[in-house]
């Protein structure tokens, strides 16, 4: 959705709903989650070295926060030479995003 012409608002996770997506703030661009991944438009990475994951194998903390199961941890992901600090992962059931228009039973988000 094009949100550029809508008044912006700060929201907490308790206030998020998909009926009011056009009012969600955007860091950049003109679209907001959820998205549909159209596999016919995927651009392959140049080589396997473009992504390096360095996540801990020991969980720091886990919590059922009433919305999802969230697992806090640390580590990094390097993508095309840029480093991103890993903070947590959590689940959505059913999936929040779609692939070729199809939802799946579960989806995991890795938050950096």
Foldseek 3Di string as FASTA:
>chain_A
DFLPVPAEDDDDPVPDDPVPLSRYDDPDDGDDDDEEAEVVPDDDDPDPVQKDWFWDPDFPDWDDPVQWIKTFGWTWMHGNNDIDIWGIKTKDAFDRYHYVPDTHGMDMDTDD
